[in-house]
C-alpha cells in the first residue's frame, strides 16, 4: 500500500497524458509523486525533479489527491482515478509551474527550479484545469470553469423540489456528482 507512483499504470494503453515535464534543456524531468498512506487514509504528494545524472530533489510536498472527471452527456462525473498533472517548466528553465489541490480546490503553484518555497499563484473558488506558459515566460495562462459554481447551486436548488429524471440522470451516481457544464 505504500507504493509510489507518478501516473496511471494503464496510461500507455489509452494514450493518457504523460506525467513527466521535461526541462527546456532536456537535462531534467519534473513529476508529481504520489504515495498512499493507509494509516491516515490519505496520500503524500510531492513535486520531484530528477536530473540526467541521477540527482533527485523534492521541491514541494503537500496537497490532496485529485481525481479525474469525465465530461459526458449533460455534465461532468468524477471517476475516482487519480488525476495526472505534468509540471511545466518556464521557457528559460528557471521556474516550474504545477497544479496542486488543497482544501478541495486545485490551484496553480510555482517554484524556482533551484529550490525554495513553492507558492500558490491562483486563489480561485473553482479548480484550475490546465495551464500554459506564455512564449516569453513572463505569464501563465490558466483555464477553469467558473460557471460550475452556478451549476452546483442550480442542482442543489432543484434537489429541494425532487430530482428530475432526464438525460442527466445516471442511476449509479448521486445527482450532485454529475454537474451540468
C-alpha atoms as a PDB file:
ATOM      1  CA  UNK A   1       0.000   0.000   0.000  1.00  0.00           C
ATOM      2  CA  UNK A   2       2.929   2.377   0.349  1.00  0.00           C
ATOM      3  CA  UNK A   3       3.940   2.118  -3.286  1.00  0.00           C
ATOM      4  CA  UNK A   4       4.922   5.345  -5.006  1.00  0.00           C
ATOM      5  CA  UNK A   5       3.511   6.223  -8.404  1.00  0.00           C
ATOM      6  CA  UNK A   6       3.651   9.079 -10.871  1.00  0.00           C
ATOM      7  CA  UNK A   7       0.991   8.191 -13.435  1.00  0.00           C
ATOM      8  CA  UNK A   8      -1.600   5.690 -14.465  1.00  0.00           C
ATOM      9  CA  UNK A   9      -0.346   2.142 -14.955  1.00  0.00           C
ATOM     10  CA  UNK A  10      -2.643   1.739 -17.965  1.00  0.00           C
ATOM     11  CA  UNK A  11      -1.724   5.155 -19.389  1.00  0.00           C
ATOM     12  CA  UNK A  12       0.281   3.988 -22.371  1.00  0.00           C
ATOM     13  CA  UNK A  13      -2.529   1.691 -23.475  1.00  0.00           C
ATOM     14  CA  UNK A  14      -5.057   4.515 -23.584  1.00  0.00           C
ATOM     15  CA  UNK A  15      -2.967   7.484 -24.741  1.00  0.00           C
ATOM     16  CA  UNK A  16      -3.156   9.046 -21.291  1.00  0.00           C
ATOM     17  CA  UNK A  17      -1.199  12.255 -20.746  1.00  0.00           C
ATOM     18  CA  UNK A  18       2.404  11.920 -19.662  1.00  0.00           C
ATOM     19  CA  UNK A  19       3.110  12.694 -16.006  1.00  0.00           C
ATOM     20  CA  UNK A  20       6.586  13.983 -16.930  1.00  0.00           C
ATOM     21  CA  UNK A  21       7.589  17.577 -17.573  1.00  0.00           C
ATOM     22  CA  UNK A  22      10.970  17.855 -19.319  1.00  0.00           C
ATOM     23  CA  UNK A  23      13.165  20.890 -18.749  1.00  0.00           C
ATOM     24  CA  UNK A  24      13.876  23.079 -21.805  1.00  0.00           C
ATOM     25  CA  UNK A  25      17.495  21.874 -21.946  1.00  0.00           C
ATOM     26  CA  UNK A  26      16.418  18.222 -21.734  1.00  0.00           C
ATOM     27  CA  UNK A  27      18.625  17.566 -18.691  1.00  0.00           C
ATOM     28  CA  UNK A  28      15.918  17.261 -16.015  1.00  0.00           C
ATOM     29  CA  UNK A  29      12.395  15.967 -15.623  1.00  0.00           C
ATOM     30  CA  UNK A  30       9.750  17.008 -13.082  1.00  0.00           C
ATOM     31  CA  UNK A  31       6.750  14.991 -11.920  1.00  0.00           C
ATOM     32  CA  UNK A  32       4.236  14.725  -9.091  1.00  0.00           C
ATOM     33  CA  UNK A  33       4.976  11.724  -6.883  1.00  0.00           C
ATOM     34  CA  UNK A  34       2.078  10.084  -5.015  1.00  0.00           C
ATOM     35  CA  UNK A  35       2.265   7.637  -2.135  1.00  0.00           C
ATOM     36  CA  UNK A  36      -0.730   6.184  -0.350  1.00  0.00           C
ATOM     37  CA  UNK A  37      -0.629   6.290   3.445  1.00  0.00           C
ATOM     38  CA  UNK A  38      -3.043   3.677   4.840  1.00  0.00           C
ATOM     39  CA  UNK A  39      -2.538   4.905   8.415  1.00  0.00           C
ATOM     40  CA  UNK A  40      -4.008   8.323   7.683  1.00  0.00           C
ATOM     41  CA  UNK A  41      -6.197   7.175   4.776  1.00  0.00           C
ATOM     42  CA  UNK A  42      -4.606   9.851   2.608  1.00  0.00           C
ATOM     43  CA  UNK A  43      -1.792  10.431   0.145  1.00  0.00           C
ATOM     44  CA  UNK A  44       1.620  12.013   0.456  1.00  0.00           C
ATOM     45  CA  UNK A  45       2.263  14.160  -2.628  1.00  0.00           C
ATOM     46  CA  UNK A  46       5.397  15.909  -3.791  1.00  0.00           C
ATOM     47  CA  UNK A  47       6.936  17.712  -6.758  1.00  0.00           C
ATOM     48  CA  UNK A  48      10.141  15.883  -7.680  1.00  0.00           C
ATOM     49  CA  UNK A  49      12.908  16.822 -10.133  1.00  0.00           C
ATOM     50  CA  UNK A  50      15.334  14.187 -11.397  1.00  0.00           C
ATOM     51  CA  UNK A  51      18.482  15.209 -13.275  1.00  0.00           C
ATOM     52  CA  UNK A  52      20.002  13.207 -16.085  1.00  0.00           C
ATOM     53  CA  UNK A  53      22.945  12.447 -13.753  1.00  0.00           C
ATOM     54  CA  UNK A  54      20.539  10.786 -11.279  1.00  0.00           C
ATOM     55  CA  UNK A  55      20.268  13.584  -8.697  1.00  0.00           C
ATOM     56  CA  UNK A  56      16.798  13.739  -7.121  1.00  0.00           C
ATOM     57  CA  UNK A  57      15.289  16.845  -5.478  1.00  0.00           C
ATOM     58  CA  UNK A  58      11.955  17.265  -3.704  1.00  0.00           C
ATOM     59  CA  UNK A  59      10.823  20.839  -4.457  1.00  0.00           C
ATOM     60  CA  UNK A  60       7.377  20.780  -2.830  1.00  0.00           C
ATOM     61  CA  UNK A  61       5.384  18.489  -0.589  1.00  0.00           C
ATOM     62  CA  UNK A  62       1.705  18.633   0.310  1.00  0.00           C
ATOM     63  CA  UNK A  63      -1.751  18.870  -1.122  1.00  0.00           C
ATOM     64  CA  UNK A  64      -4.584  16.408  -1.577  1.00  0.00           C
ATOM     65  CA  UNK A  65      -5.156  13.646  -4.086  1.00  0.00           C
ATOM     66  CA  UNK A  66      -7.160  14.933  -7.044  1.00  0.00           C
ATOM     67  CA  UNK A  67      -9.280  12.568  -9.097  1.00  0.00           C
ATOM     68  CA  UNK A  68     -10.167  12.891 -12.757  1.00  0.00           C
ATOM     69  CA  UNK A  69     -13.654  13.643 -14.077  1.00  0.00           C
ATOM     70  CA  UNK A  70     -15.251  12.688 -17.347  1.00  0.00           C
ATOM     71  CA  UNK A  71     -17.209  15.114 -19.474  1.00  0.00           C
ATOM     72  CA  UNK A  72     -20.378  13.404 -20.613  1.00  0.00           C
ATOM     73  CA  UNK A  73     -23.916  13.950 -21.742  1.00  0.00           C
ATOM     74  CA  UNK A  74     -25.132  16.845 -19.685  1.00  0.00           C
ATOM     75  CA  UNK A  75     -22.249  17.189 -17.258  1.00  0.00           C
ATOM     76  CA  UNK A  76     -19.105  16.022 -15.502  1.00  0.00           C
ATOM     77  CA  UNK A  77     -18.746  12.854 -13.480  1.00  0.00           C
ATOM     78  CA  UNK A  78     -15.849  12.052 -11.116  1.00  0.00           C
ATOM     79  CA  UNK A  79     -14.055   8.773 -11.813  1.00  0.00           C
ATOM     80  CA  UNK A  80     -12.069   8.087  -8.647  1.00  0.00           C
ATOM     81  CA  UNK A  81      -8.941   7.626 -10.802  1.00  0.00           C
ATOM     82  CA  UNK A  82      -6.032   9.872  -9.777  1.00  0.00           C
ATOM     83  CA  UNK A  83      -5.574  12.935 -11.976  1.00  0.00           C
ATOM     84  CA  UNK A  84      -2.301  13.065 -13.919  1.00  0.00           C
ATOM     85  CA  UNK A  85      -0.733  16.523 -13.956  1.00  0.00           C
ATOM     86  CA  UNK A  86       2.601  17.153 -15.627  1.00  0.00           C
ATOM     87  CA  UNK A  87       4.567  20.079 -14.194  1.00  0.00           C
ATOM     88  CA  UNK A  88       5.655  22.631 -16.803  1.00  0.00           C
ATOM     89  CA  UNK A  89       8.992  24.415 -16.899  1.00  0.00           C
ATOM     90  CA  UNK A  90       9.249  28.077 -17.784  1.00  0.00           C
ATOM     91  CA  UNK A  91      10.858  28.643 -21.205  1.00  0.00           C
ATOM     92  CA  UNK A  92      14.134  29.703 -19.551  1.00  0.00           C
ATOM     93  CA  UNK A  93      14.100  26.670 -17.215  1.00  0.00           C
ATOM     94  CA  UNK A  94      14.195  28.837 -14.091  1.00  0.00           C
ATOM     95  CA  UNK A  95      10.740  28.012 -12.692  1.00  0.00           C
ATOM     96  CA  UNK A  96       8.320  25.123 -12.591  1.00  0.00           C
ATOM     97  CA  UNK A  97       4.544  25.597 -12.554  1.00  0.00           C
ATOM     98  CA  UNK A  98       2.307  22.786 -11.337  1.00  0.00           C
ATOM     99  CA  UNK A  99      -1.216  22.056 -10.183  1.00  0.00           C
ATOM    100  CA  UNK A 100      -1.847  21.259  -6.522  1.00  0.00           C
ATOM    101  CA  UNK A 101      -5.112  20.595  -4.721  1.00  0.00           C
ATOM    102  CA  UNK A 102      -5.646  21.973  -1.201  1.00  0.00           C
ATOM    103  CA  UNK A 103      -8.911  22.377   0.756  1.00  0.00           C
ATOM    104  CA  UNK A 104     -10.854  20.815  -2.121  1.00  0.00           C
ATOM    105  CA  UNK A 105      -9.717  23.305  -4.806  1.00  0.00           C
ATOM    106  CA  UNK A 106      -6.988  22.876  -7.433  1.00  0.00           C
ATOM    107  CA  UNK A 107      -4.757  25.918  -7.798  1.00  0.00           C
ATOM    108  CA  UNK A 108      -1.716  26.780  -9.880  1.00  0.00           C
ATOM    109  CA  UNK A 109       1.561  26.808  -7.962  1.00  0.00           C
ATOM    110  CA  UNK A 110       5.076  27.894  -8.904  1.00  0.00           C
ATOM    111  CA  UNK A 111       8.531  27.154  -7.520  1.00  0.00           C
ATOM    112  CA  UNK A 112      12.089  28.006  -8.503  1.00  0.00           C
ATOM    113  CA  UNK A 113      13.742  25.128 -10.357  1.00  0.00           C
ATOM    114  CA  UNK A 114      16.691  25.558  -7.960  1.00  0.00           C
ATOM    115  CA  UNK A 115      14.503  25.045  -4.895  1.00  0.00           C
ATOM    116  CA  UNK A 116      12.871  27.364  -2.421  1.00  0.00           C
ATOM    117  CA  UNK A 117       9.348  27.769  -1.159  1.00  0.00           C
ATOM    118  CA  UNK A 118       6.560  26.923  -3.604  1.00  0.00           C
ATOM    119  CA  UNK A 119       3.632  29.338  -3.648  1.00  0.00           C
ATOM    120  CA  UNK A 120       0.117  29.327  -4.998  1.00  0.00           C
ATOM    121  CA  UNK A 121      -0.345  31.937  -7.723  1.00  0.00           C
ATOM    122  CA  UNK A 122      -4.093  31.448  -8.152  1.00  0.00           C
ATOM    123  CA  UNK A 123      -6.624  31.688  -5.347  1.00  0.00           C
ATOM    124  CA  UNK A 124      -9.938  30.993  -7.097  1.00  0.00           C
ATOM    125  CA  UNK A 125     -13.073  29.232  -5.910  1.00  0.00           C
ATOM    126  CA  UNK A 126     -13.034  26.716  -8.779  1.00  0.00           C
ATOM    127  CA  UNK A 127     -10.399  24.278  -9.973  1.00  0.00           C
ATOM    128  CA  UNK A 128      -7.720  25.340 -12.401  1.00  0.00           C
ATOM    129  CA  UNK A 129      -7.972  22.602 -15.013  1.00  0.00           C
ATOM    130  CA  UNK A 130      -4.962  23.329 -17.188  1.00  0.00           C
ATOM    131  CA  UNK A 131      -2.333  25.988 -17.781  1.00  0.00           C
ATOM    132  CA  UNK A 132       0.470  27.034 -20.118  1.00  0.00           C
ATOM    133  CA  UNK A 133       3.442  29.352 -20.025  1.00  0.00           C
ATOM    134  CA  UNK A 134       3.450  32.303 -22.417  1.00  0.00           C
ATOM    135  CA  UNK A 135       6.161  32.144 -25.089  1.00  0.00           C
ATOM    136  CA  UNK A 136       8.259  34.782 -23.304  1.00  0.00           C
ATOM    137  CA  UNK A 137       7.844  33.030 -19.920  1.00  0.00           C
ATOM    138  CA  UNK A 138       6.550  36.158 -18.205  1.00  0.00           C
ATOM    139  CA  UNK A 139       2.946  34.976 -17.861  1.00  0.00           C
ATOM    140  CA  UNK A 140       0.933  31.871 -17.178  1.00  0.00           C
ATOM    141  CA  UNK A 141      -2.398  31.256 -18.895  1.00  0.00           C
ATOM    142  CA  UNK A 142      -4.996  29.268 -16.951  1.00  0.00           C
ATOM    143  CA  UNK A 143      -8.264  27.555 -17.792  1.00  0.00           C
ATOM    144  CA  UNK A 144     -11.097  26.939 -15.345  1.00  0.00           C
ATOM    145  CA  UNK A 145     -14.877  26.626 -15.384  1.00  0.00           C
ATOM    146  CA  UNK A 146     -16.222  29.408 -13.133  1.00  0.00           C
ATOM    147  CA  UNK A 147     -19.823  28.664 -14.205  1.00  0.00           C
ATOM    148  CA  UNK A 148     -19.607  25.383 -12.311  1.00  0.00           C
ATOM    149  CA  UNK A 149     -20.449  27.257  -9.076  1.00  0.00           C
ATOM    150  CA  UNK A 150     -23.770  28.407 -10.545  1.00  0.00           C
ATOM    151  CA  UNK A 151     -24.394  24.877 -11.835  1.00  0.00           C
ATOM    152  CA  UNK A 152     -23.848  23.408  -8.372  1.00  0.00           C
ATOM    153  CA  UNK A 153     -26.245  25.947  -6.849  1.00  0.00           C
ATOM    154  CA  UNK A 154     -28.840  25.145  -9.521  1.00  0.00           C
ATOM    155  CA  UNK A 155     -28.543  21.394  -8.862  1.00  0.00           C
ATOM    156  CA  UNK A 156     -28.870  21.990  -5.117  1.00  0.00           C
ATOM    157  CA  UNK A 157     -31.976  24.164  -5.651  1.00  0.00           C
ATOM    158  CA  UNK A 158     -33.515  21.578  -7.960  1.00  0.00           C
ATOM    159  CA  UNK A 159     -32.895  18.917  -5.338  1.00  0.00           C
ATOM    160  CA  UNK A 160     -35.094  20.760  -2.834  1.00  0.00           C
ATOM    161  CA  UNK A 161     -38.119  20.008  -5.025  1.00  0.00           C
ATOM    162  CA  UNK A 162     -37.133  16.488  -6.037  1.00  0.00           C
ATOM    163  CA  UNK A 163     -34.953  15.214  -8.825  1.00  0.00           C
ATOM    164  CA  UNK A 164     -35.906  15.441 -12.470  1.00  0.00           C
ATOM    165  CA  UNK A 165     -35.081  12.170 -14.208  1.00  0.00           C
ATOM    166  CA  UNK A 166     -33.826  13.301 -17.602  1.00  0.00           C
ATOM    167  CA  UNK A 167     -30.714  12.732 -19.733  1.00  0.00           C
ATOM    168  CA  UNK A 168     -28.524  13.886 -16.837  1.00  0.00           C
ATOM    169  CA  UNK A 169     -29.583  11.002 -14.607  1.00  0.00           C
ATOM    170  CA  UNK A 170     -27.135   8.147 -14.156  1.00  0.00           C
ATOM    171  CA  UNK A 171     -28.736   5.656 -11.725  1.00  0.00           C
ATOM    172  CA  UNK A 172     -25.456   4.582 -10.108  1.00  0.00           C
ATOM    173  CA  UNK A 173     -24.155   8.117  -9.496  1.00  0.00           C
ATOM    174  CA  UNK A 174     -25.584  10.571  -6.927  1.00  0.00           C
ATOM    175  CA  UNK A 175     -27.086  13.571  -8.801  1.00  0.00           C
ATOM    176  CA  UNK A 176     -24.870  16.127  -7.056  1.00  0.00           C
ATOM    177  CA  UNK A 177     -21.788  14.475  -8.576  1.00  0.00           C
ATOM    178  CA  UNK A 178     -22.986  14.787 -12.157  1.00  0.00           C
ATOM    179  CA  UNK A 179     -22.964  18.513 -12.818  1.00  0.00           C
ATOM    180  CA  UNK A 180     -24.055  20.434 -15.872  1.00  0.00           C
ATOM    181  CA  UNK A 181     -21.247  22.042 -17.923  1.00  0.00           C
END
